[in-house]
Amino acid sequence: MEQCVIGGDLPTKNPVLNIIDLVQKWPDIVGDLVAEKAFPCRVKNGTLILQTVSTVWANELQLLVPRLLDEIEEQCPQLNVNKIRFVA
């Protein structure tokens, strides 16, 4: 399993660096099309805030939440994301 790592081999506990790593991995996690329509903004209290291009995309992506949470947990486990909230 790949860890979120910025510029080295050791995982970091710095939340800013962890979100940067998520942003860098975002297209691999969700695919290019979704990455163009939704962007991770921040993680607060275990909730990932995703900025979407429209409320239509926010509603569409709501269906993908279980898969997104699994992928994020696999790629970036130290983020401890357990919920996703969409803003348009």
N, C-alpha and C. Protein backbone atom coordinates (compact mmCIF):
# COMPACT_ATOMS: atom_id res chain seq x y z
N MET A 1 0.85 -1.18 0.00
CA MET A 1 0.00 0.00 0.00
C MET A 1 0.89 1.24 0.00
N GLU A 2 0.58 2.17 -0.88
CA GLU A 2 1.35 3.41 -0.99
C GLU A 2 0.94 4.39 0.08
N GLN A 3 1.90 5.06 0.67
CA GLN A 3 1.66 6.05 1.72
C GLN A 3 1.71 7.44 1.12
N CYS A 4 1.02 8.39 1.72
CA CYS A 4 1.15 9.80 1.34
C CYS A 4 2.51 10.28 1.83
N VAL A 5 3.39 10.61 0.93
CA VAL A 5 4.72 11.05 1.31
C VAL A 5 5.10 12.24 0.46
N ILE A 6 5.63 13.26 1.07
CA ILE A 6 6.10 14.44 0.36
C ILE A 6 7.61 14.47 0.44
N GLY A 7 8.26 14.34 -0.69
CA GLY A 7 9.70 14.52 -0.77
C GLY A 7 10.52 13.60 0.11
N GLY A 8 10.11 12.38 0.31
CA GLY A 8 10.90 11.45 1.10
C GLY A 8 10.18 10.14 1.28
N ASP A 9 10.74 9.28 2.13
CA ASP A 9 10.19 7.95 2.32
C ASP A 9 9.37 7.81 3.59
N LEU A 10 9.33 8.82 4.43
CA LEU A 10 8.61 8.71 5.69
C LEU A 10 7.29 9.46 5.63
N PRO A 11 6.21 8.84 6.11
CA PRO A 11 4.94 9.57 6.14
C PRO A 11 5.04 10.78 7.06
N THR A 12 4.28 11.79 6.75
CA THR A 12 4.31 13.01 7.55
C THR A 12 3.00 13.16 8.32
N LYS A 13 3.05 13.86 9.44
CA LYS A 13 1.84 14.15 10.20
C LYS A 13 1.39 15.58 9.98
N ASN A 14 2.05 16.29 9.08
CA ASN A 14 1.71 17.67 8.80
C ASN A 14 0.46 17.69 7.92
N PRO A 15 -0.67 18.23 8.42
CA PRO A 15 -1.91 18.19 7.64
C PRO A 15 -1.83 18.96 6.32
N VAL A 16 -1.05 20.03 6.28
CA VAL A 16 -0.91 20.79 5.04
C VAL A 16 -0.20 19.95 3.98
N LEU A 17 0.86 19.29 4.38
CA LEU A 17 1.58 18.44 3.42
C LEU A 17 0.74 17.26 2.99
N ASN A 18 -0.08 16.73 3.90
CA ASN A 18 -0.93 15.60 3.55
C ASN A 18 -1.99 15.99 2.53
N ILE A 19 -2.58 17.16 2.66
CA ILE A 19 -3.58 17.59 1.68
C ILE A 19 -2.92 17.90 0.35
N ILE A 20 -1.70 18.43 0.37
CA ILE A 20 -0.96 18.66 -0.87
C ILE A 20 -0.73 17.33 -1.58
N ASP A 21 -0.37 16.31 -0.82
CA ASP A 21 -0.14 15.00 -1.41
C ASP A 21 -1.44 14.46 -2.01
N LEU A 22 -2.57 14.65 -1.31
CA LEU A 22 -3.86 14.22 -1.85
C LEU A 22 -4.16 14.95 -3.16
N VAL A 23 -3.90 16.24 -3.19
CA VAL A 23 -4.13 17.01 -4.42
C VAL A 23 -3.29 16.46 -5.56
N GLN A 24 -2.03 16.12 -5.28
CA GLN A 24 -1.16 15.57 -6.32
C GLN A 24 -1.66 14.22 -6.81
N LYS A 25 -2.20 13.41 -5.93
CA LYS A 25 -2.68 12.08 -6.30
C LYS A 25 -4.12 12.07 -6.79
N TRP A 26 -4.82 13.19 -6.68
CA TRP A 26 -6.24 13.27 -6.98
C TRP A 26 -6.62 12.67 -8.33
N PRO A 27 -5.95 13.03 -9.44
CA PRO A 27 -6.33 12.44 -10.73
C PRO A 27 -6.19 10.92 -10.76
N ASP A 28 -5.20 10.38 -10.06
CA ASP A 28 -5.04 8.93 -9.99
C ASP A 28 -6.14 8.28 -9.15
N ILE A 29 -6.59 8.98 -8.13
CA ILE A 29 -7.62 8.44 -7.23
C ILE A 29 -8.98 8.44 -7.91
N VAL A 30 -9.34 9.54 -8.60
CA VAL A 30 -10.70 9.68 -9.13
C VAL A 30 -10.78 9.60 -10.64
N GLY A 31 -9.68 9.68 -11.34
CA GLY A 31 -9.70 9.72 -12.80
C GLY A 31 -9.70 11.15 -13.30
N ASP A 32 -9.26 11.33 -14.53
CA ASP A 32 -9.09 12.67 -15.09
C ASP A 32 -10.40 13.45 -15.21
N LEU A 33 -11.48 12.80 -15.63
CA LEU A 33 -12.75 13.51 -15.81
C LEU A 33 -13.26 14.08 -14.49
N VAL A 34 -13.29 13.24 -13.46
CA VAL A 34 -13.76 13.71 -12.15
C VAL A 34 -12.80 14.76 -11.59
N ALA A 35 -11.51 14.57 -11.80
CA ALA A 35 -10.52 15.53 -11.30
C ALA A 35 -10.73 16.92 -11.91
N GLU A 36 -11.28 16.98 -13.12
CA GLU A 36 -11.59 18.26 -13.74
C GLU A 36 -12.84 18.90 -13.16
N LYS A 37 -13.68 18.10 -12.52
CA LYS A 37 -14.97 18.59 -12.02
C LYS A 37 -15.03 18.77 -10.52
N ALA A 38 -14.08 18.18 -9.79
CA ALA A 38 -14.06 18.27 -8.32
C ALA A 38 -12.61 18.34 -7.85
N PHE A 39 -12.38 19.19 -6.84
CA PHE A 39 -11.03 19.43 -6.36
C PHE A 39 -11.02 19.41 -4.83
N PRO A 40 -10.09 18.64 -4.23
CA PRO A 40 -10.02 18.62 -2.77
C PRO A 40 -9.49 19.95 -2.23
N CYS A 41 -10.24 20.54 -1.30
CA CYS A 41 -9.86 21.83 -0.72
C CYS A 41 -9.19 21.69 0.64
N ARG A 42 -9.81 20.90 1.51
CA ARG A 42 -9.25 20.75 2.86
C ARG A 42 -9.89 19.55 3.54
N VAL A 43 -9.26 19.16 4.62
CA VAL A 43 -9.81 18.12 5.49
C VAL A 43 -9.98 18.74 6.86
N LYS A 44 -11.20 18.65 7.39
CA LYS A 44 -11.48 19.21 8.71
C LYS A 44 -12.28 18.19 9.51
N ASN A 45 -11.73 17.78 10.64
CA ASN A 45 -12.40 16.82 11.53
C ASN A 45 -12.84 15.56 10.79
N GLY A 46 -11.98 15.05 9.93
CA GLY A 46 -12.28 13.81 9.21
C GLY A 46 -13.16 13.98 7.99
N THR A 47 -13.55 15.22 7.68
CA THR A 47 -14.40 15.47 6.51
C THR A 47 -13.58 16.13 5.41
N LEU A 48 -13.56 15.51 4.25
CA LEU A 48 -12.91 16.08 3.08
C LEU A 48 -13.89 17.02 2.40
N ILE A 49 -13.47 18.25 2.19
CA ILE A 49 -14.29 19.24 1.49
C ILE A 49 -13.85 19.25 0.03
N LEU A 50 -14.79 18.94 -0.87
CA LEU A 50 -14.51 18.94 -2.30
C LEU A 50 -15.25 20.09 -2.96
N GLN A 51 -14.52 20.91 -3.69
CA GLN A 51 -15.12 21.98 -4.49
C GLN A 51 -15.50 21.38 -5.84
N THR A 52 -16.76 21.52 -6.24
CA THR A 52 -17.21 21.00 -7.52
C THR A 52 -17.58 22.16 -8.44
N VAL A 53 -17.61 21.88 -9.73
CA VAL A 53 -17.91 22.93 -10.71
C VAL A 53 -19.38 23.30 -10.72
N SER A 54 -20.24 22.42 -10.19
CA SER A 54 -21.68 22.71 -10.17
C SER A 54 -22.37 21.80 -9.15
N THR A 55 -23.59 22.16 -8.82
CA THR A 55 -24.37 21.30 -7.93
C THR A 55 -24.73 19.99 -8.61
N VAL A 56 -24.84 20.00 -9.92
CA VAL A 56 -25.10 18.76 -10.66
C VAL A 56 -23.96 17.77 -10.43
N TRP A 57 -22.72 18.25 -10.53
CA TRP A 57 -21.57 17.38 -10.29
C TRP A 57 -21.51 16.96 -8.83
N ALA A 58 -21.84 17.83 -7.92
CA ALA A 58 -21.86 17.46 -6.50
C ALA A 58 -22.84 16.31 -6.28
N ASN A 59 -24.02 16.41 -6.87
CA ASN A 59 -25.02 15.34 -6.74
C ASN A 59 -24.54 14.05 -7.38
N GLU A 60 -23.94 14.15 -8.54
CA GLU A 60 -23.43 12.97 -9.24
C GLU A 60 -22.33 12.28 -8.42
N LEU A 61 -21.43 13.06 -7.88
CA LEU A 61 -20.31 12.50 -7.12
C LEU A 61 -20.75 11.91 -5.79
N GLN A 62 -21.89 12.33 -5.30
CA GLN A 62 -22.41 11.76 -4.06
C GLN A 62 -22.55 10.24 -4.17
N LEU A 63 -22.85 9.77 -5.38
CA LEU A 63 -22.99 8.33 -5.62
C LEU A 63 -21.65 7.59 -5.50
N LEU A 64 -20.56 8.32 -5.67
CA LEU A 64 -19.22 7.71 -5.64
C LEU A 64 -18.55 7.77 -4.27
N VAL A 65 -19.21 8.34 -3.28
CA VAL A 65 -18.57 8.56 -1.98
C VAL A 65 -17.96 7.29 -1.39
N PRO A 66 -18.65 6.15 -1.36
CA PRO A 66 -18.01 4.96 -0.77
C PRO A 66 -16.70 4.57 -1.48
N ARG A 67 -16.70 4.62 -2.79
CA ARG A 67 -15.49 4.29 -3.54
C ARG A 67 -14.39 5.32 -3.30
N LEU A 68 -14.76 6.60 -3.28
CA LEU A 68 -13.78 7.65 -3.02
C LEU A 68 -13.15 7.50 -1.65
N LEU A 69 -13.96 7.21 -0.65
CA LEU A 69 -13.43 7.03 0.71
C LEU A 69 -12.46 5.85 0.76
N ASP A 70 -12.79 4.76 0.07
CA ASP A 70 -11.89 3.60 0.03
C ASP A 70 -10.57 3.95 -0.63
N GLU A 71 -10.64 4.64 -1.75
CA GLU A 71 -9.41 5.01 -2.48
C GLU A 71 -8.55 5.98 -1.67
N ILE A 72 -9.19 6.94 -1.03
CA ILE A 72 -8.44 7.91 -0.22
C ILE A 72 -7.78 7.20 0.96
N GLU A 73 -8.51 6.29 1.59
CA GLU A 73 -7.94 5.53 2.71
C GLU A 73 -6.74 4.70 2.25
N GLU A 74 -6.83 4.13 1.07
CA GLU A 74 -5.73 3.32 0.55
C GLU A 74 -4.52 4.18 0.20
N GLN A 75 -4.76 5.32 -0.45
CA GLN A 75 -3.67 6.17 -0.93
C GLN A 75 -3.10 7.08 0.16
N CYS A 76 -3.95 7.56 1.07
CA CYS A 76 -3.54 8.56 2.07
C CYS A 76 -4.18 8.24 3.42
N PRO A 77 -3.81 7.14 4.05
CA PRO A 77 -4.48 6.73 5.29
C PRO A 77 -4.34 7.71 6.44
N GLN A 78 -3.26 8.47 6.51
CA GLN A 78 -3.07 9.37 7.64
C GLN A 78 -3.99 10.59 7.58
N LEU A 79 -4.71 10.79 6.49
CA LEU A 79 -5.69 11.88 6.45
C LEU A 79 -6.91 11.57 7.30
N ASN A 80 -7.18 10.28 7.53
CA ASN A 80 -8.32 9.86 8.36
C ASN A 80 -9.64 10.46 7.88
N VAL A 81 -9.86 10.41 6.58
CA VAL A 81 -11.10 10.92 6.00
C VAL A 81 -12.19 9.87 6.16
N ASN A 82 -13.32 10.26 6.76
CA ASN A 82 -14.43 9.32 6.92
C ASN A 82 -15.74 9.88 6.37
N LYS A 83 -15.66 11.09 5.79
CA LYS A 83 -16.85 11.74 5.25
C LYS A 83 -16.41 12.70 4.16
N ILE A 84 -17.27 12.93 3.17
CA ILE A 84 -16.99 13.89 2.11
C ILE A 84 -18.16 14.86 2.03
N ARG A 85 -17.83 16.14 1.96
CA ARG A 85 -18.84 17.19 1.79
C ARG A 85 -18.51 17.95 0.52
N PHE A 86 -19.53 18.22 -0.28
CA PHE A 86 -19.35 18.91 -1.55
C PHE A 86 -19.83 20.34 -1.45
N VAL A 87 -19.07 21.25 -2.06
CA VAL A 87 -19.48 22.64 -2.19
C VAL A 87 -19.37 23.01 -3.66
N ALA A 88 -20.35 23.74 -4.14
CA ALA A 88 -20.37 24.12 -5.56
C ALA A 88 -20.16 25.61 -5.72
